[in-house]
Each structure stands twice: as structure tokens, then as C-alpha cells.
Amino acid sequence: MPTLNEEVLGSIVALCAYAVEHSPFYARTLRPVRSWDDFYSLPILTGDDIRRHVNADGTGDLLTGPTRGSVVVSTSATSGARKIVHREF
């Protein structure tokens, strides 16, 4: 029976693989995750990444799926240009 630690890592491995398969941005920026060391070496997604790779119209190479039916959320831009996120509920 897997430990909680192994289950969590398995979920992270699956999530990263899904992102790489469904997003050109993540396909370019993520390496395969097979261990906690791989996970800890993943690049941090920055606000600038979001601004450059997600558009208000539901397009962008960072997205991992269709945005039809999603809610568009935007920051207030108090620390620079606003960031747009599409959230599916």
C-alpha cells in the first residue's frame, strides 16, 4: 500500500504530465517529474508568465483545456499589468 507521501507525489507526477500533454507552454518549460527532487526543481510560474501566455478571450499557450464555460478572473493590477485567469467550476 502506497504511503501518503507516495500518493501525493503520484498526483503531482500525473498533474505535470497532463500539463505537458495539454499546454504548449508547459511542454516547453517542464521536465518530467519522477521524484521529489524533480518536483522541487520545477520552475516557478510568474505573474509575467500569466500575462504573456493567457488572454482574456480564452486563448493562450499556457492553458490546458478549453475555456468555454469558464469564469474569467482578473487581478486589479495594483502591482503592474493585470493578470487574467480562466477558472472552471
Protein backbone atom coordinates (compact mmCIF):
# COMPACT_ATOMS: atom_id res chain seq x y z
CA MET A 1 0.00 0.00 0.00
CA PRO A 2 1.49 3.39 -1.00
CA THR A 3 2.28 5.91 1.70
CA LEU A 4 0.63 9.34 1.73
CA ASN A 5 3.93 10.79 0.54
CA GLU A 6 3.96 8.41 -2.44
CA GLU A 7 0.31 9.17 -3.23
CA VAL A 8 0.94 12.91 -3.22
CA LEU A 9 3.98 12.52 -5.46
CA GLY A 10 1.94 10.30 -7.80
CA SER A 11 -0.72 13.02 -8.07
CA ILE A 12 1.94 15.64 -8.82
CA VAL A 13 3.52 13.40 -11.48
CA ALA A 14 0.10 12.92 -13.14
CA LEU A 15 -0.73 16.64 -12.97
CA CYS A 16 2.58 17.65 -14.54
CA ALA A 17 2.24 15.04 -17.27
CA TYR A 18 -1.28 16.32 -18.05
CA ALA A 19 0.01 19.91 -18.23
CA VAL A 20 2.83 18.93 -20.59
CA GLU A 21 0.43 16.98 -22.82
CA HIS A 22 -2.23 19.73 -23.00
CA SER A 23 -0.28 23.02 -22.93
CA PRO A 24 2.42 24.18 -25.36
CA PHE A 25 3.79 26.46 -22.61
CA TYR A 26 4.23 23.61 -20.14
CA ALA A 27 5.56 21.31 -22.88
CA ARG A 28 8.36 23.84 -23.37
CA THR A 29 9.04 24.64 -19.72
CA LEU A 30 8.51 21.47 -17.66
CA ARG A 31 10.78 18.47 -17.42
CA PRO A 32 9.39 15.08 -16.39
CA VAL A 33 8.72 14.77 -12.67
CA ARG A 34 9.65 11.38 -11.21
CA SER A 35 10.86 12.31 -7.73
CA TRP A 36 10.54 14.96 -5.04
CA ASP A 37 13.88 16.40 -6.22
CA ASP A 38 12.38 16.81 -9.71
CA PHE A 39 9.34 18.50 -8.17
CA TYR A 40 11.42 20.93 -6.11
CA SER A 41 13.41 21.91 -9.20
CA LEU A 42 10.34 22.87 -11.24
CA PRO A 43 10.33 26.49 -12.45
CA ILE A 44 8.04 28.91 -10.65
CA LEU A 45 5.11 30.25 -12.69
CA THR A 46 5.37 34.04 -12.52
CA GLY A 47 2.82 36.78 -12.94
CA ASP A 48 4.65 37.79 -16.09
CA ASP A 49 4.22 34.26 -17.47
CA ILE A 50 0.46 34.52 -16.90
CA ARG A 51 0.26 37.98 -18.51
CA ARG A 52 2.22 36.84 -21.58
CA HIS A 53 0.56 33.46 -22.11
CA VAL A 54 -3.14 33.82 -21.11
CA ASN A 55 -5.55 36.09 -22.99
CA ALA A 56 -8.91 37.46 -21.88
CA ASP A 57 -10.58 35.85 -24.91
CA GLY A 58 -9.74 32.36 -23.66
CA THR A 59 -6.70 31.76 -25.79
CA GLY A 60 -3.10 31.31 -24.82
CA ASP A 61 -0.48 28.60 -24.85
CA LEU A 62 -0.41 28.25 -21.03
CA LEU A 63 -3.99 26.96 -20.87
CA THR A 64 -4.52 23.20 -20.51
CA GLY A 65 -8.06 22.94 -21.82
CA PRO A 66 -10.96 24.74 -23.44
CA THR A 67 -12.20 27.82 -21.63
CA ARG A 68 -15.80 27.68 -22.84
CA GLY A 69 -18.00 27.97 -19.77
CA SER A 70 -15.17 29.20 -17.56
CA VAL A 71 -15.20 32.33 -15.47
CA VAL A 72 -12.61 34.99 -16.26
CA VAL A 73 -10.91 36.36 -13.17
CA SER A 74 -8.51 39.28 -13.28
CA THR A 75 -6.23 40.88 -10.73
CA SER A 76 -6.66 44.57 -10.01
CA ALA A 77 -3.22 45.39 -11.43
CA THR A 78 -2.05 47.27 -8.33
CA SER A 79 1.43 45.77 -8.74
CA GLY A 80 1.68 46.14 -12.52
CA ALA A 81 -0.30 44.90 -15.52
CA ARG A 82 -3.33 42.80 -14.66
CA LYS A 83 -3.22 39.01 -14.77
CA ILE A 84 -6.10 37.04 -16.26
CA VAL A 85 -7.06 33.55 -15.13
CA HIS A 86 -9.80 31.31 -16.52
CA ARG A 87 -11.45 29.24 -13.80
CA GLU A 88 -13.80 26.34 -14.48
CA PHE A 89 -16.17 25.42 -11.65
